[in-house]
Amino acid sequence: MTIVFIENVLGSCQVIQVLEDFGDYVVEHKLQPGDSARIAASRFKSIIVNEAQSAVAASLPFRRPEARREARRAVAARA
């Protein structure tokens, strides 16, 4: 099994948003400065790492079938 380690360094002033996209639903993790996460990599999901923006992060609907499309639209709109 492959584990991905993501760390938001303590000196950072940004919140990091990690999305685990399983196709049918999305699981969100927010990492504050100094936090870290270990996420198991799998061919059955995508892992997306972004800088969290409160307006976008608050509006993302999770655990619904259409969450994948909406999460991708929100990420594309910020790019």
N, C-alpha and C. Protein backbone atom coordinates (compact mmCIF):
# COMPACT_ATOMS: atom_id res chain seq x y z
N MET A 1 0.84 -1.17 0.00
CA MET A 1 0.00 0.00 0.00
C MET A 1 0.90 1.24 0.00
N THR A 2 0.50 2.25 -0.75
CA THR A 2 1.24 3.51 -0.81
C THR A 2 0.53 4.54 0.06
N ILE A 3 1.29 5.22 0.90
CA ILE A 3 0.77 6.25 1.77
C ILE A 3 1.35 7.59 1.31
N VAL A 4 0.49 8.59 1.17
CA VAL A 4 0.91 9.94 0.82
C VAL A 4 0.91 10.76 2.10
N PHE A 5 2.05 11.40 2.40
CA PHE A 5 2.16 12.24 3.58
C PHE A 5 2.08 13.69 3.15
N ILE A 6 1.13 14.45 3.70
CA ILE A 6 0.95 15.85 3.37
C ILE A 6 1.08 16.64 4.66
N GLU A 7 1.95 17.66 4.64
CA GLU A 7 2.17 18.46 5.85
C GLU A 7 2.04 19.93 5.51
N ASN A 8 1.31 20.65 6.33
CA ASN A 8 1.23 22.10 6.23
C ASN A 8 2.19 22.63 7.29
N VAL A 9 3.31 23.22 6.86
CA VAL A 9 4.36 23.63 7.80
C VAL A 9 3.85 24.66 8.79
N LEU A 10 4.45 24.66 9.96
CA LEU A 10 4.00 25.48 11.05
C LEU A 10 4.06 26.97 10.73
N GLY A 11 5.04 27.41 9.95
CA GLY A 11 5.18 28.83 9.63
C GLY A 11 4.23 29.32 8.56
N SER A 12 3.47 28.43 7.96
CA SER A 12 2.55 28.80 6.89
C SER A 12 1.34 29.53 7.47
N CYS A 13 0.83 30.48 6.72
CA CYS A 13 -0.39 31.17 7.17
C CYS A 13 -1.60 30.71 6.36
N GLN A 14 -1.44 29.65 5.58
CA GLN A 14 -2.51 29.16 4.72
C GLN A 14 -3.09 27.86 5.27
N VAL A 15 -4.36 27.66 5.01
CA VAL A 15 -5.02 26.39 5.33
C VAL A 15 -5.03 25.56 4.05
N ILE A 16 -4.63 24.31 4.17
CA ILE A 16 -4.56 23.41 3.03
C ILE A 16 -5.81 22.53 3.01
N GLN A 17 -6.41 22.40 1.84
CA GLN A 17 -7.59 21.56 1.66
C GLN A 17 -7.18 20.32 0.87
N VAL A 18 -7.47 19.16 1.41
CA VAL A 18 -7.18 17.89 0.75
C VAL A 18 -8.51 17.22 0.45
N LEU A 19 -8.74 16.90 -0.83
CA LEU A 19 -9.97 16.23 -1.24
C LEU A 19 -9.63 14.82 -1.69
N GLU A 20 -10.32 13.84 -1.14
CA GLU A 20 -10.22 12.46 -1.60
C GLU A 20 -11.48 12.18 -2.41
N ASP A 21 -11.33 12.03 -3.71
CA ASP A 21 -12.45 11.86 -4.62
C ASP A 21 -12.59 10.38 -4.97
N PHE A 22 -13.67 9.76 -4.49
CA PHE A 22 -13.91 8.34 -4.73
C PHE A 22 -14.84 8.09 -5.91
N GLY A 23 -15.22 9.14 -6.62
CA GLY A 23 -16.12 8.98 -7.74
C GLY A 23 -17.57 9.25 -7.36
N ASP A 24 -18.07 8.56 -6.33
CA ASP A 24 -19.44 8.76 -5.87
C ASP A 24 -19.54 9.83 -4.79
N TYR A 25 -18.47 10.03 -4.04
CA TYR A 25 -18.47 11.04 -2.99
C TYR A 25 -17.05 11.55 -2.78
N VAL A 26 -16.97 12.68 -2.09
CA VAL A 26 -15.69 13.34 -1.82
C VAL A 26 -15.55 13.51 -0.32
N VAL A 27 -14.35 13.22 0.20
CA VAL A 27 -14.04 13.42 1.61
C VAL A 27 -13.06 14.58 1.69
N GLU A 28 -13.35 15.54 2.56
CA GLU A 28 -12.52 16.74 2.68
C GLU A 28 -11.74 16.71 3.99
N HIS A 29 -10.48 17.13 3.91
CA HIS A 29 -9.64 17.32 5.10
C HIS A 29 -9.09 18.74 5.01
N LYS A 30 -9.10 19.48 6.11
CA LYS A 30 -8.48 20.79 6.15
C LYS A 30 -7.30 20.72 7.11
N LEU A 31 -6.14 21.14 6.62
CA LEU A 31 -4.94 21.10 7.43
C LEU A 31 -4.57 22.52 7.83
N GLN A 32 -4.60 22.80 9.12
CA GLN A 32 -4.16 24.08 9.65
C GLN A 32 -2.63 24.08 9.68
N PRO A 33 -1.99 25.25 9.79
CA PRO A 33 -0.53 25.27 9.91
C PRO A 33 -0.04 24.37 11.04
N GLY A 34 0.91 23.52 10.74
CA GLY A 34 1.44 22.57 11.71
C GLY A 34 0.78 21.20 11.66
N ASP A 35 -0.32 21.06 10.94
CA ASP A 35 -1.02 19.78 10.82
C ASP A 35 -0.44 18.95 9.68
N SER A 36 -0.68 17.65 9.76
CA SER A 36 -0.25 16.75 8.69
C SER A 36 -1.30 15.66 8.53
N ALA A 37 -1.25 14.98 7.39
CA ALA A 37 -2.20 13.90 7.11
C ALA A 37 -1.48 12.79 6.36
N ARG A 38 -1.86 11.58 6.64
CA ARG A 38 -1.39 10.40 5.90
C ARG A 38 -2.60 9.82 5.19
N ILE A 39 -2.52 9.77 3.86
CA ILE A 39 -3.66 9.31 3.07
C ILE A 39 -3.21 8.13 2.22
N ALA A 40 -3.97 7.06 2.28
CA ALA A 40 -3.66 5.87 1.48
C ALA A 40 -4.00 6.15 0.02
N ALA A 41 -3.04 5.91 -0.86
CA ALA A 41 -3.26 6.08 -2.29
C ALA A 41 -3.89 4.82 -2.86
N SER A 42 -4.76 5.02 -3.83
CA SER A 42 -5.45 3.90 -4.44
C SER A 42 -5.80 4.26 -5.87
N ARG A 43 -5.91 3.25 -6.72
CA ARG A 43 -6.31 3.53 -8.10
C ARG A 43 -7.80 3.82 -8.20
N PHE A 44 -8.53 3.68 -7.09
CA PHE A 44 -9.97 3.90 -7.09
C PHE A 44 -10.37 5.30 -6.62
N LYS A 45 -9.38 6.16 -6.36
CA LYS A 45 -9.70 7.52 -5.93
C LYS A 45 -8.64 8.49 -6.42
N SER A 46 -9.01 9.76 -6.41
CA SER A 46 -8.09 10.85 -6.75
C SER A 46 -7.85 11.66 -5.50
N ILE A 47 -6.65 12.22 -5.40
CA ILE A 47 -6.31 13.09 -4.28
C ILE A 47 -6.01 14.46 -4.85
N ILE A 48 -6.72 15.48 -4.35
CA ILE A 48 -6.54 16.85 -4.81
C ILE A 48 -6.11 17.68 -3.62
N VAL A 49 -5.02 18.45 -3.77
CA VAL A 49 -4.51 19.30 -2.69
C VAL A 49 -4.56 20.74 -3.17
N ASN A 50 -5.22 21.61 -2.40
CA ASN A 50 -5.38 23.02 -2.74
C ASN A 50 -5.16 23.88 -1.51
N GLU A 51 -4.98 25.16 -1.78
CA GLU A 51 -5.08 26.15 -0.71
C GLU A 51 -6.57 26.35 -0.46
N ALA A 52 -7.01 26.24 0.78
CA ALA A 52 -8.44 26.38 1.10
C ALA A 52 -8.83 27.84 1.05
N GLN A 53 -9.92 28.11 0.38
CA GLN A 53 -10.51 29.45 0.37
C GLN A 53 -11.88 29.31 0.98
N SER A 54 -12.17 30.10 1.97
CA SER A 54 -13.38 29.90 2.78
C SER A 54 -14.66 29.93 1.96
N ALA A 55 -14.79 30.83 0.99
CA ALA A 55 -16.03 30.92 0.21
C ALA A 55 -16.25 29.65 -0.62
N VAL A 56 -15.19 29.17 -1.25
CA VAL A 56 -15.31 27.96 -2.08
C VAL A 56 -15.45 26.73 -1.20
N ALA A 57 -14.64 26.62 -0.18
CA ALA A 57 -14.66 25.44 0.67
C ALA A 57 -16.01 25.29 1.39
N ALA A 58 -16.60 26.39 1.78
CA ALA A 58 -17.87 26.31 2.49
C ALA A 58 -19.01 25.92 1.56
N SER A 59 -18.87 26.21 0.26
CA SER A 59 -19.97 25.94 -0.66
C SER A 59 -19.90 24.56 -1.31
N LEU A 60 -18.80 23.81 -1.09
CA LEU A 60 -18.69 22.50 -1.72
C LEU A 60 -19.58 21.48 -1.02
N PRO A 61 -20.49 20.85 -1.75
CA PRO A 61 -21.33 19.81 -1.15
C PRO A 61 -20.61 18.46 -1.19
N PHE A 62 -20.53 17.80 -0.07
CA PHE A 62 -19.82 16.54 -0.01
C PHE A 62 -20.79 15.39 0.28
N ARG A 63 -20.34 14.21 -0.10
CA ARG A 63 -21.08 12.97 0.11
C ARG A 63 -22.39 12.92 -0.67
N ARG A 64 -22.41 13.52 -1.84
CA ARG A 64 -23.55 13.42 -2.75
C ARG A 64 -23.00 12.96 -4.10
N PRO A 65 -23.78 12.29 -4.90
CA PRO A 65 -23.28 11.80 -6.19
C PRO A 65 -22.73 12.90 -7.10
N GLU A 66 -23.30 14.09 -7.08
CA GLU A 66 -22.82 15.15 -7.95
C GLU A 66 -21.66 15.94 -7.34
N ALA A 67 -21.19 15.54 -6.16
CA ALA A 67 -20.10 16.26 -5.49
C ALA A 67 -18.82 16.27 -6.31
N ARG A 68 -18.56 15.21 -7.04
CA ARG A 68 -17.33 15.12 -7.84
C ARG A 68 -17.30 16.22 -8.90
N ARG A 69 -18.40 16.37 -9.63
CA ARG A 69 -18.45 17.40 -10.67
C ARG A 69 -18.35 18.80 -10.07
N GLU A 70 -19.06 19.03 -8.98
CA GLU A 70 -19.06 20.34 -8.36
C GLU A 70 -17.70 20.68 -7.78
N ALA A 71 -17.02 19.69 -7.19
CA ALA A 71 -15.68 19.94 -6.64
C ALA A 71 -14.70 20.27 -7.76
N ARG A 72 -14.79 19.57 -8.87
CA ARG A 72 -13.89 19.85 -9.99
C ARG A 72 -14.17 21.21 -10.60
N ARG A 73 -15.44 21.60 -10.70
CA ARG A 73 -15.79 22.94 -11.21
C ARG A 73 -15.23 24.03 -10.31
N ALA A 74 -15.32 23.84 -8.99
CA ALA A 74 -14.82 24.85 -8.06
C ALA A 74 -13.31 24.97 -8.16
N VAL A 75 -12.62 23.83 -8.31
CA VAL A 75 -11.16 23.87 -8.46
C VAL A 75 -10.78 24.54 -9.77
N ALA A 76 -11.49 24.22 -10.86
CA ALA A 76 -11.19 24.83 -12.17
C ALA A 76 -11.47 26.33 -12.17
N ALA A 77 -12.49 26.76 -11.44
CA ALA A 77 -12.84 28.18 -11.40
C ALA A 77 -11.76 29.00 -10.71
N ARG A 78 -11.08 28.39 -9.75
CA ARG A 78 -10.01 29.12 -9.04
C ARG A 78 -8.73 29.18 -9.85
N ALA A 79 -8.55 28.25 -10.79
CA ALA A 79 -7.30 28.19 -11.56
C ALA A 79 -7.24 29.23 -12.65
